């Protein structure tokens, strides 16, 4: 087990491409194993303790899985930025993502993702959080640098996603319902 609620395989073996292709996807770098455990302990366990079971939709993505995803032309991944590769190396011996740390995407059934994201922002030591909408998974990472970067990938009327960056306070203010003063 990498944490109270998660096995390493929960984070390594999730995601639709992994499930369909069954590609070898074990971390080769010890630091990747450690980053998976830190993500589970610092982000996922507290979320489960507060909200209940989570559905992991995308977790660790080693070099071979990343190549398969890119080959299949699946939208929405950015291996050099998204931290799903942990500390893994590409075929040239360079880290796939220079940011370090580890990321996963997940949802909590029957709970709006904005509510989960807001709770994470207020209660967890996160590095980066990407919010895509109440009915979509949240992307969250943990690393030792803890940048606390928040980006709302707001969908435009043309179906594209436009990033809107927030500070922690700005995100909280945007998503906490404003109370109406009584007269």
N, C-alpha and C. Protein backbone atom coordinates (compact mmCIF):
# COMPACT_ATOMS: atom_id res chain seq x y z
N UNK A 1 0.85 -1.19 0.00
CA UNK A 1 0.00 0.00 0.00
C UNK A 1 0.88 1.23 0.00
N UNK A 2 0.44 2.23 -0.74
CA UNK A 2 1.20 3.48 -0.75
C UNK A 2 0.59 4.50 0.21
N UNK A 3 -0.62 4.21 0.70
CA UNK A 3 -1.28 5.10 1.66
C UNK A 3 -2.37 4.31 2.39
N UNK A 4 -3.12 4.99 3.23
CA UNK A 4 -4.19 4.31 3.97
C UNK A 4 -5.27 3.73 3.07
N UNK A 5 -5.59 4.42 1.97
CA UNK A 5 -6.71 4.01 1.11
C UNK A 5 -6.30 3.48 -0.26
N UNK A 6 -5.03 3.59 -0.63
CA UNK A 6 -4.65 3.29 -2.01
C UNK A 6 -3.47 2.34 -2.10
N UNK A 7 -3.55 1.46 -3.08
CA UNK A 7 -2.43 0.63 -3.49
C UNK A 7 -1.70 1.36 -4.62
N UNK A 8 -0.45 1.06 -4.81
CA UNK A 8 0.27 1.65 -5.94
C UNK A 8 -0.46 1.36 -7.25
N UNK A 9 -0.96 0.12 -7.38
CA UNK A 9 -1.61 -0.26 -8.64
C UNK A 9 -2.87 0.56 -8.92
N UNK A 10 -3.52 1.09 -7.89
CA UNK A 10 -4.70 1.94 -8.11
C UNK A 10 -4.32 3.16 -8.95
N UNK A 11 -3.15 3.71 -8.70
CA UNK A 11 -2.72 4.93 -9.38
C UNK A 11 -1.96 4.61 -10.66
N UNK A 12 -1.33 3.47 -10.72
CA UNK A 12 -0.56 3.07 -11.90
C UNK A 12 -1.45 2.45 -12.98
N UNK A 13 -2.49 1.75 -12.59
CA UNK A 13 -3.30 0.97 -13.54
C UNK A 13 -4.66 1.59 -13.84
N UNK A 14 -4.80 2.89 -13.68
CA UNK A 14 -6.09 3.52 -13.99
C UNK A 14 -6.00 4.27 -15.31
N UNK A 15 -7.11 4.65 -15.84
CA UNK A 15 -7.15 5.39 -17.10
C UNK A 15 -7.59 4.50 -18.24
N UNK A 16 -8.31 5.09 -19.16
CA UNK A 16 -8.91 4.31 -20.24
C UNK A 16 -7.87 3.71 -21.19
N UNK A 17 -6.81 4.45 -21.53
CA UNK A 17 -5.82 3.90 -22.45
C UNK A 17 -5.11 2.72 -21.81
N UNK A 18 -4.73 2.84 -20.55
CA UNK A 18 -4.08 1.72 -19.87
C UNK A 18 -5.02 0.51 -19.86
N UNK A 19 -6.28 0.74 -19.54
CA UNK A 19 -7.24 -0.37 -19.46
C UNK A 19 -7.43 -1.05 -20.82
N UNK A 20 -7.41 -0.27 -21.90
CA UNK A 20 -7.62 -0.84 -23.23
C UNK A 20 -6.37 -1.50 -23.80
N UNK A 21 -5.23 -0.88 -23.60
CA UNK A 21 -3.99 -1.34 -24.22
C UNK A 21 -3.18 -2.29 -23.34
N UNK A 22 -3.33 -2.21 -22.02
CA UNK A 22 -2.57 -2.99 -21.04
C UNK A 22 -1.07 -2.95 -21.39
N UNK A 23 -0.53 -1.75 -21.33
CA UNK A 23 0.88 -1.49 -21.62
C UNK A 23 1.67 -1.57 -20.32
N UNK A 24 2.87 -2.14 -20.33
CA UNK A 24 3.68 -2.10 -19.12
C UNK A 24 3.84 -0.63 -18.67
N UNK A 25 3.53 -0.37 -17.40
CA UNK A 25 3.48 1.01 -16.95
C UNK A 25 4.06 1.17 -15.54
N UNK A 26 5.00 0.33 -15.16
CA UNK A 26 5.58 0.46 -13.83
C UNK A 26 6.65 1.54 -13.81
N UNK A 27 6.68 2.35 -12.75
CA UNK A 27 7.74 3.35 -12.64
C UNK A 27 9.12 2.69 -12.60
N UNK A 28 10.08 3.29 -13.28
CA UNK A 28 11.45 2.79 -13.26
C UNK A 28 12.32 3.57 -12.28
N UNK A 29 11.87 4.75 -11.89
CA UNK A 29 12.64 5.60 -10.99
C UNK A 29 12.08 5.51 -9.57
N UNK A 30 12.94 5.31 -8.59
CA UNK A 30 12.52 5.25 -7.20
C UNK A 30 11.76 6.51 -6.78
N UNK A 31 12.20 7.66 -7.27
CA UNK A 31 11.53 8.92 -6.91
C UNK A 31 10.09 8.95 -7.41
N UNK A 32 9.79 8.26 -8.49
CA UNK A 32 8.40 8.19 -8.98
C UNK A 32 7.54 7.40 -8.00
N UNK A 33 8.07 6.28 -7.49
CA UNK A 33 7.33 5.50 -6.49
C UNK A 33 7.05 6.37 -5.27
N UNK A 34 8.05 7.11 -4.82
CA UNK A 34 7.89 7.98 -3.65
C UNK A 34 6.86 9.08 -3.93
N UNK A 35 6.88 9.64 -5.13
CA UNK A 35 5.93 10.71 -5.49
C UNK A 35 4.50 10.19 -5.53
N UNK A 36 4.31 8.96 -6.01
CA UNK A 36 2.97 8.36 -6.01
C UNK A 36 2.45 8.25 -4.57
N UNK A 37 3.30 7.76 -3.68
CA UNK A 37 2.90 7.63 -2.27
C UNK A 37 2.58 8.99 -1.66
N UNK A 38 3.39 10.00 -1.94
CA UNK A 38 3.15 11.33 -1.38
C UNK A 38 1.83 11.92 -1.89
N UNK A 39 1.54 11.73 -3.18
CA UNK A 39 0.26 12.20 -3.74
C UNK A 39 -0.90 11.52 -3.03
N UNK A 40 -0.80 10.20 -2.87
CA UNK A 40 -1.88 9.45 -2.22
C UNK A 40 -2.05 9.89 -0.76
N UNK A 41 -0.96 10.07 -0.06
CA UNK A 41 -1.03 10.42 1.37
C UNK A 41 -1.47 11.86 1.61
N UNK A 42 -1.00 12.79 0.79
CA UNK A 42 -1.26 14.21 1.04
C UNK A 42 -2.51 14.76 0.36
N UNK A 43 -2.95 14.11 -0.72
CA UNK A 43 -4.12 14.61 -1.46
C UNK A 43 -5.26 13.59 -1.43
N UNK A 44 -5.02 12.40 -1.95
CA UNK A 44 -6.11 11.44 -2.13
C UNK A 44 -6.68 10.92 -0.81
N UNK A 45 -5.83 10.54 0.14
CA UNK A 45 -6.35 10.06 1.42
C UNK A 45 -7.23 11.11 2.11
N UNK A 46 -6.78 12.36 2.23
CA UNK A 46 -7.66 13.36 2.86
C UNK A 46 -8.98 13.55 2.11
N UNK A 47 -8.95 13.48 0.78
CA UNK A 47 -10.20 13.62 0.01
C UNK A 47 -11.13 12.46 0.33
N UNK A 48 -10.61 11.23 0.36
CA UNK A 48 -11.44 10.07 0.70
C UNK A 48 -11.98 10.20 2.11
N UNK A 49 -11.14 10.63 3.05
CA UNK A 49 -11.59 10.80 4.44
C UNK A 49 -12.74 11.80 4.54
N UNK A 50 -12.71 12.83 3.71
CA UNK A 50 -13.74 13.88 3.77
C UNK A 50 -14.98 13.57 2.92
N UNK A 51 -14.77 13.08 1.68
CA UNK A 51 -15.88 12.92 0.74
C UNK A 51 -16.31 11.47 0.51
N UNK A 52 -15.44 10.53 0.81
CA UNK A 52 -15.71 9.14 0.47
C UNK A 52 -14.94 8.74 -0.78
N UNK A 53 -15.29 7.61 -1.32
CA UNK A 53 -14.57 7.00 -2.44
C UNK A 53 -14.38 7.95 -3.62
N UNK A 54 -13.19 7.87 -4.24
CA UNK A 54 -12.91 8.63 -5.45
C UNK A 54 -12.78 7.67 -6.63
N UNK A 55 -13.04 8.18 -7.81
CA UNK A 55 -12.84 7.42 -9.04
C UNK A 55 -11.64 8.02 -9.76
N UNK A 56 -10.53 7.28 -9.78
CA UNK A 56 -9.33 7.72 -10.48
C UNK A 56 -9.54 7.53 -11.98
N UNK A 57 -9.33 8.59 -12.76
CA UNK A 57 -9.52 8.50 -14.20
C UNK A 57 -8.21 8.55 -14.98
N UNK A 58 -7.14 9.02 -14.35
CA UNK A 58 -5.84 9.08 -15.00
C UNK A 58 -4.79 9.24 -13.91
N UNK A 59 -3.82 8.35 -13.89
CA UNK A 59 -2.81 8.39 -12.84
C UNK A 59 -1.42 8.43 -13.42
N UNK A 60 -0.57 7.53 -12.94
CA UNK A 60 0.82 7.48 -13.40
C UNK A 60 0.85 7.14 -14.89
N UNK A 61 1.72 7.85 -15.61
CA UNK A 61 1.86 7.62 -17.05
C UNK A 61 3.35 7.54 -17.38
N UNK A 62 3.85 6.30 -17.46
CA UNK A 62 5.24 6.08 -17.82
C UNK A 62 5.48 6.38 -19.30
N UNK A 63 6.73 6.27 -19.70
CA UNK A 63 7.15 6.62 -21.07
C UNK A 63 6.36 5.86 -22.14
N UNK A 64 6.23 4.54 -22.00
CA UNK A 64 5.54 3.74 -23.03
C UNK A 64 4.06 4.07 -23.11
N UNK A 65 3.41 4.23 -21.97
CA UNK A 65 1.99 4.59 -21.98
C UNK A 65 1.80 5.98 -22.60
N UNK A 66 2.67 6.91 -22.23
CA UNK A 66 2.60 8.26 -22.80
C UNK A 66 2.73 8.25 -24.32
N UNK A 67 3.65 7.45 -24.84
CA UNK A 67 3.81 7.34 -26.30
C UNK A 67 2.56 6.78 -26.95
N UNK A 68 1.94 5.79 -26.31
CA UNK A 68 0.72 5.18 -26.85
C UNK A 68 -0.41 6.20 -26.87
N UNK A 69 -0.55 6.97 -25.80
CA UNK A 69 -1.60 7.99 -25.75
C UNK A 69 -1.39 9.03 -26.84
N UNK A 70 -0.15 9.48 -27.00
CA UNK A 70 0.15 10.47 -28.04
C UNK A 70 -0.06 9.88 -29.43
N UNK A 71 0.33 8.60 -29.63
CA UNK A 71 0.15 7.94 -30.93
C UNK A 71 -1.34 7.84 -31.28
N UNK A 72 -2.16 7.58 -30.27
CA UNK A 72 -3.60 7.48 -30.49
C UNK A 72 -4.26 8.84 -30.63
N UNK A 73 -3.45 9.89 -30.54
CA UNK A 73 -3.92 11.26 -30.74
C UNK A 73 -5.06 11.63 -29.79
N UNK A 74 -4.92 11.22 -28.54
CA UNK A 74 -5.93 11.55 -27.55
C UNK A 74 -5.69 12.98 -27.04
N UNK A 75 -6.73 13.79 -27.02
CA UNK A 75 -6.54 15.19 -26.62
C UNK A 75 -6.36 15.34 -25.11
N UNK A 76 -5.75 16.45 -24.75
CA UNK A 76 -5.73 16.84 -23.35
C UNK A 76 -4.55 16.39 -22.52
N UNK A 77 -3.51 15.79 -23.14
CA UNK A 77 -2.36 15.44 -22.32
C UNK A 77 -1.18 16.30 -22.75
N UNK A 78 -0.34 16.60 -21.77
CA UNK A 78 0.87 17.39 -22.00
C UNK A 78 1.97 16.80 -21.12
N UNK A 79 2.60 15.71 -21.56
CA UNK A 79 3.56 15.00 -20.71
C UNK A 79 4.67 15.87 -20.13
N UNK A 80 5.10 16.89 -20.85
CA UNK A 80 6.18 17.75 -20.35
C UNK A 80 5.71 18.67 -19.22
N UNK A 81 4.41 18.79 -19.06
CA UNK A 81 3.86 19.72 -18.07
C UNK A 81 2.99 19.07 -17.00
N UNK A 82 2.31 17.97 -17.32
CA UNK A 82 1.18 17.53 -16.47
C UNK A 82 1.54 16.71 -15.24
N UNK A 83 2.79 16.33 -15.05
CA UNK A 83 3.29 15.64 -13.86
C UNK A 83 2.79 14.20 -13.69
N UNK A 84 2.09 13.65 -14.66
CA UNK A 84 1.64 12.27 -14.57
C UNK A 84 2.80 11.28 -14.70
N UNK A 85 3.94 11.72 -15.24
CA UNK A 85 5.09 10.85 -15.42
C UNK A 85 5.99 10.80 -14.19
N UNK A 86 5.68 11.57 -13.18
CA UNK A 86 6.53 11.58 -11.98
C UNK A 86 7.95 11.99 -12.34
N UNK A 87 8.90 11.15 -12.00
CA UNK A 87 10.32 11.42 -12.25
C UNK A 87 10.88 10.53 -13.35
N UNK A 88 10.01 9.98 -14.19
CA UNK A 88 10.44 9.06 -15.23
C UNK A 88 11.24 9.77 -16.32
N UNK A 89 12.05 8.97 -17.02
CA UNK A 89 12.93 9.48 -18.06
C UNK A 89 12.42 9.09 -19.44
N UNK A 90 12.70 9.95 -20.42
CA UNK A 90 12.35 9.61 -21.81
C UNK A 90 13.48 8.77 -22.40
N UNK A 91 13.39 8.47 -23.68
CA UNK A 91 14.37 7.61 -24.33
C UNK A 91 15.76 8.25 -24.41
N UNK A 92 15.85 9.55 -24.19
CA UNK A 92 17.14 10.25 -24.21
C UNK A 92 17.72 10.44 -22.81
N UNK A 93 17.04 9.85 -21.81
CA UNK A 93 17.55 9.94 -20.45
C UNK A 93 17.20 11.23 -19.72
N UNK A 94 16.34 12.04 -20.29
CA UNK A 94 15.90 13.29 -19.66
C UNK A 94 14.55 13.06 -18.99
N UNK A 95 14.29 13.81 -17.92
CA UNK A 95 12.98 13.67 -17.26
C UNK A 95 11.88 14.10 -18.23
N UNK A 96 10.81 13.30 -18.25
CA UNK A 96 9.67 13.60 -19.13
C UNK A 96 9.03 14.92 -18.71
N UNK A 97 8.87 15.12 -17.42
CA UNK A 97 8.31 16.36 -16.88
C UNK A 97 9.30 16.93 -15.88
N UNK A 98 9.82 18.10 -16.16
CA UNK A 98 10.82 18.73 -15.29
C UNK A 98 10.24 19.21 -13.97
N UNK A 99 8.93 19.31 -13.85
CA UNK A 99 8.30 19.84 -12.64
C UNK A 99 8.47 18.93 -11.43
N UNK A 100 8.64 17.64 -11.66
CA UNK A 100 8.72 16.71 -10.54
C UNK A 100 7.36 16.50 -9.91
N UNK A 101 7.33 15.73 -8.85
CA UNK A 101 6.05 15.44 -8.20
C UNK A 101 5.25 14.43 -8.98
N UNK A 102 3.97 14.36 -8.66
CA UNK A 102 3.08 13.38 -9.29
C UNK A 102 1.67 13.96 -9.36
N UNK A 103 0.94 13.60 -10.40
CA UNK A 103 -0.44 14.08 -10.58
C UNK A 103 -1.38 12.92 -10.85
N UNK A 104 -2.65 13.17 -10.59
CA UNK A 104 -3.71 12.25 -11.00
C UNK A 104 -4.96 13.07 -11.27
N UNK A 105 -5.87 12.45 -11.99
CA UNK A 105 -7.17 13.05 -12.27
C UNK A 105 -8.20 12.14 -11.61
N UNK A 106 -9.20 12.75 -10.99
CA UNK A 106 -10.22 11.95 -10.32
C UNK A 106 -11.51 12.73 -10.14
N UNK A 107 -12.55 11.97 -9.80
CA UNK A 107 -13.87 12.54 -9.49
C UNK A 107 -14.37 11.90 -8.21
N UNK A 108 -15.28 12.60 -7.56
CA UNK A 108 -16.02 12.04 -6.44
C UNK A 108 -17.47 11.99 -6.92
N UNK A 109 -18.02 10.79 -7.03
CA UNK A 109 -19.39 10.64 -7.53
C UNK A 109 -20.38 11.41 -6.67
N UNK A 110 -21.37 11.99 -7.31
CA UNK A 110 -22.46 12.72 -6.65
C UNK A 110 -21.97 13.95 -5.88
N UNK A 111 -20.80 14.46 -6.21
CA UNK A 111 -20.29 15.69 -5.61
C UNK A 111 -19.73 16.55 -6.73
N UNK A 112 -20.19 17.79 -6.85
CA UNK A 112 -19.65 18.67 -7.89
C UNK A 112 -18.14 18.83 -7.75
N UNK A 113 -17.43 18.77 -8.85
CA UNK A 113 -15.98 18.89 -8.80
C UNK A 113 -15.53 20.23 -8.22
N UNK A 114 -16.34 21.27 -8.37
CA UNK A 114 -15.95 22.57 -7.78
C UNK A 114 -15.90 22.46 -6.26
N UNK A 115 -16.80 21.70 -5.68
CA UNK A 115 -16.82 21.53 -4.22
C UNK A 115 -15.57 20.76 -3.76
N UNK A 116 -15.18 19.74 -4.51
CA UNK A 116 -13.99 18.96 -4.17
C UNK A 116 -12.74 19.82 -4.37
N UNK A 117 -12.68 20.54 -5.49
CA UNK A 117 -11.52 21.40 -5.77
C UNK A 117 -11.37 22.47 -4.69
N UNK A 118 -12.46 23.07 -4.31
CA UNK A 118 -12.43 24.10 -3.27
C UNK A 118 -11.91 23.52 -1.96
N UNK A 119 -12.36 22.32 -1.61
CA UNK A 119 -11.91 21.68 -0.37
C UNK A 119 -10.40 21.39 -0.44
N UNK A 120 -9.92 20.91 -1.59
CA UNK A 120 -8.49 20.64 -1.75
C UNK A 120 -7.69 21.93 -1.59
N UNK A 121 -8.13 22.98 -2.26
CA UNK A 121 -7.43 24.27 -2.19
C UNK A 121 -7.33 24.77 -0.75
N UNK A 122 -8.38 24.55 0.02
CA UNK A 122 -8.40 25.03 1.40
C UNK A 122 -7.70 24.10 2.40
N UNK A 123 -7.54 22.81 2.05
CA UNK A 123 -7.11 21.84 3.06
C UNK A 123 -5.90 20.97 2.71
N UNK A 124 -5.43 20.99 1.49
CA UNK A 124 -4.36 20.06 1.09
C UNK A 124 -3.14 20.79 0.54
N UNK A 125 -1.96 20.19 0.72
CA UNK A 125 -0.74 20.78 0.18
C UNK A 125 -0.56 20.37 -1.29
N UNK A 126 -1.20 21.10 -2.19
CA UNK A 126 -1.17 20.75 -3.61
C UNK A 126 -0.13 21.60 -4.35
N UNK A 127 0.29 21.12 -5.48
CA UNK A 127 1.21 21.86 -6.34
C UNK A 127 0.42 22.60 -7.42
N UNK A 128 -0.33 21.82 -8.21
CA UNK A 128 -1.15 22.41 -9.27
C UNK A 128 -2.51 21.74 -9.29
N UNK A 129 -3.53 22.53 -9.57
CA UNK A 129 -4.89 22.02 -9.65
C UNK A 129 -5.53 22.60 -10.90
N UNK A 130 -6.07 21.72 -11.74
CA UNK A 130 -6.79 22.13 -12.94
C UNK A 130 -8.24 21.71 -12.78
N UNK A 131 -9.13 22.67 -12.91
CA UNK A 131 -10.56 22.45 -12.77
C UNK A 131 -11.19 22.59 -14.15
N UNK A 132 -11.97 21.57 -14.56
CA UNK A 132 -12.57 21.54 -15.90
C UNK A 132 -14.08 21.69 -15.90
N UNK A 133 -14.70 21.74 -14.75
CA UNK A 133 -16.15 21.84 -14.65
C UNK A 133 -16.68 20.86 -13.63
N UNK A 134 -17.89 21.09 -13.17
CA UNK A 134 -18.46 20.29 -12.09
C UNK A 134 -18.66 18.82 -12.43
N UNK A 135 -18.80 18.50 -13.71
CA UNK A 135 -19.06 17.12 -14.09
C UNK A 135 -17.83 16.45 -14.72
N UNK A 136 -16.67 17.05 -14.53
CA UNK A 136 -15.42 16.53 -15.10
C UNK A 136 -14.42 16.23 -13.99
N UNK A 137 -13.46 15.34 -14.24
CA UNK A 137 -12.43 15.06 -13.23
C UNK A 137 -11.57 16.29 -12.94
N UNK A 138 -11.02 16.32 -11.74
CA UNK A 138 -10.07 17.35 -11.32
C UNK A 138 -8.68 16.79 -11.55
N UNK A 139 -7.78 17.63 -12.04
CA UNK A 139 -6.37 17.27 -12.15
C UNK A 139 -5.66 17.94 -10.98
N UNK A 140 -4.97 17.16 -10.16
CA UNK A 140 -4.26 17.74 -9.02
C UNK A 140 -2.91 17.05 -8.88
N UNK A 141 -1.91 17.85 -8.51
CA UNK A 141 -0.58 17.29 -8.32
C UNK A 141 -0.04 17.68 -6.95
N UNK A 142 0.93 16.90 -6.53
CA UNK A 142 1.66 17.18 -5.30
C UNK A 142 3.14 17.09 -5.63
N UNK A 143 3.90 18.03 -5.13
CA UNK A 143 5.36 17.97 -5.25
C UNK A 143 5.94 18.67 -4.03
N UNK A 144 7.22 18.62 -3.94
CA UNK A 144 7.87 19.26 -2.80
C UNK A 144 7.90 20.77 -2.92
N UNK A 145 7.65 21.32 -4.11
CA UNK A 145 7.68 22.77 -4.28
C UNK A 145 6.36 23.45 -3.93
N UNK A 146 5.26 22.75 -4.05
CA UNK A 146 3.92 23.28 -3.72
C UNK A 146 3.68 24.69 -4.25
N UNK A 147 3.59 24.80 -5.57
CA UNK A 147 3.36 26.08 -6.22
C UNK A 147 1.98 26.67 -5.96
N UNK A 148 1.02 25.81 -5.63
CA UNK A 148 -0.38 26.22 -5.40
C UNK A 148 -0.93 27.02 -6.59
N UNK A 149 -0.69 26.49 -7.78
CA UNK A 149 -1.21 27.09 -9.00
C UNK A 149 -2.58 26.49 -9.29
N UNK A 150 -3.52 27.34 -9.63
CA UNK A 150 -4.89 26.90 -9.93
C UNK A 150 -5.27 27.43 -11.30
N UNK A 151 -5.83 26.56 -12.10
CA UNK A 151 -6.26 26.96 -13.44
C UNK A 151 -7.63 26.36 -13.71
N UNK A 152 -8.56 27.21 -14.06
CA UNK A 152 -9.89 26.77 -14.47
C UNK A 152 -9.87 26.71 -15.98
N UNK A 153 -10.02 25.52 -16.52
CA UNK A 153 -10.04 25.32 -17.97
C UNK A 153 -11.49 25.47 -18.43
N UNK A 154 -11.91 26.71 -18.55
CA UNK A 154 -13.31 27.03 -18.85
C UNK A 154 -13.60 26.76 -20.32
N UNK A 155 -14.70 26.06 -20.55
CA UNK A 155 -15.09 25.74 -21.92
C UNK A 155 -15.79 26.94 -22.54
N UNK A 156 -15.35 27.28 -23.76
CA UNK A 156 -15.98 28.38 -24.49
C UNK A 156 -17.19 27.86 -25.24
N UNK A 157 -17.94 28.75 -25.79
CA UNK A 157 -19.13 28.31 -26.55
C UNK A 157 -18.76 27.59 -27.83
N UNK A 158 -17.49 27.66 -28.22
CA UNK A 158 -17.02 26.97 -29.43
C UNK A 158 -16.41 25.61 -29.10
N UNK A 159 -16.51 25.19 -27.82
CA UNK A 159 -16.03 23.88 -27.42
C UNK A 159 -14.56 23.82 -27.05
N UNK A 160 -13.84 24.90 -27.17
CA UNK A 160 -12.43 24.93 -26.78
C UNK A 160 -12.32 25.23 -25.29
N UNK A 161 -11.19 24.96 -24.70
CA UNK A 161 -10.96 25.26 -23.29
C UNK A 161 -10.00 26.44 -23.19
N UNK A 162 -10.43 27.43 -22.44
CA UNK A 162 -9.61 28.62 -22.25
C UNK A 162 -9.17 28.67 -20.78
N UNK A 163 -7.84 28.69 -20.55
CA UNK A 163 -7.37 28.69 -19.17
C UNK A 163 -7.61 30.03 -18.48
N UNK A 164 -8.07 29.96 -17.25
CA UNK A 164 -8.22 31.15 -16.41
C UNK A 164 -7.49 30.84 -15.11
N UNK A 165 -6.43 31.56 -14.86
CA UNK A 165 -5.60 31.32 -13.68
C UNK A 165 -6.15 32.05 -12.46
N UNK A 166 -6.02 31.39 -11.31
CA UNK A 166 -6.51 31.95 -10.05
C UNK A 166 -5.44 31.85 -8.98
N UNK A 167 -5.46 32.80 -8.08
CA UNK A 167 -4.74 32.65 -6.82
C UNK A 167 -5.63 31.78 -5.92
N UNK A 168 -5.08 31.30 -4.83
CA UNK A 168 -5.88 30.53 -3.89
C UNK A 168 -7.06 31.36 -3.42
N UNK A 169 -6.81 32.60 -2.98
CA UNK A 169 -7.90 33.46 -2.50
C UNK A 169 -8.91 33.76 -3.59
N UNK A 170 -8.45 34.00 -4.81
CA UNK A 170 -9.36 34.28 -5.91
C UNK A 170 -10.26 33.09 -6.23
N UNK A 171 -9.69 31.89 -6.21
CA UNK A 171 -10.47 30.68 -6.47
C UNK A 171 -11.53 30.48 -5.38
N UNK A 172 -11.11 30.66 -4.14
CA UNK A 172 -12.05 30.51 -3.02
C UNK A 172 -13.18 31.52 -3.16
N UNK A 173 -12.85 32.76 -3.44
CA UNK A 173 -13.88 33.79 -3.58
C UNK A 173 -14.82 33.50 -4.74
N UNK A 174 -14.29 32.95 -5.82
CA UNK A 174 -15.13 32.66 -6.98
C UNK A 174 -16.11 31.52 -6.71
N UNK A 175 -15.67 30.51 -5.97
CA UNK A 175 -16.50 29.32 -5.82
C UNK A 175 -17.28 29.22 -4.51
N UNK A 176 -16.99 30.07 -3.54
CA UNK A 176 -17.81 30.07 -2.33
C UNK A 176 -19.04 30.92 -2.62
N UNK A 177 -20.23 30.36 -2.43
CA UNK A 177 -21.44 31.15 -2.67
C UNK A 177 -21.46 32.38 -1.75
N UNK A 178 -21.73 33.50 -2.37
CA UNK A 178 -21.80 34.74 -1.58
C UNK A 178 -23.15 34.81 -0.86
N UNK A 179 -23.08 35.07 0.41
CA UNK A 179 -24.33 35.16 1.17
C UNK A 179 -24.98 36.51 0.92
N UNK A 180 -26.27 36.51 0.91
CA UNK A 180 -27.04 37.74 0.71
C UNK A 180 -27.36 38.30 2.09
N UNK A 181 -26.94 39.53 2.34
CA UNK A 181 -27.21 40.09 3.67
C UNK A 181 -28.72 40.27 3.89
N UNK A 182 -29.12 39.93 5.12
CA UNK A 182 -30.54 40.10 5.45
C UNK A 182 -30.80 41.57 5.75
N UNK A 183 -31.97 42.04 5.37
CA UNK A 183 -32.31 43.44 5.62
C UNK A 183 -33.10 43.57 6.87
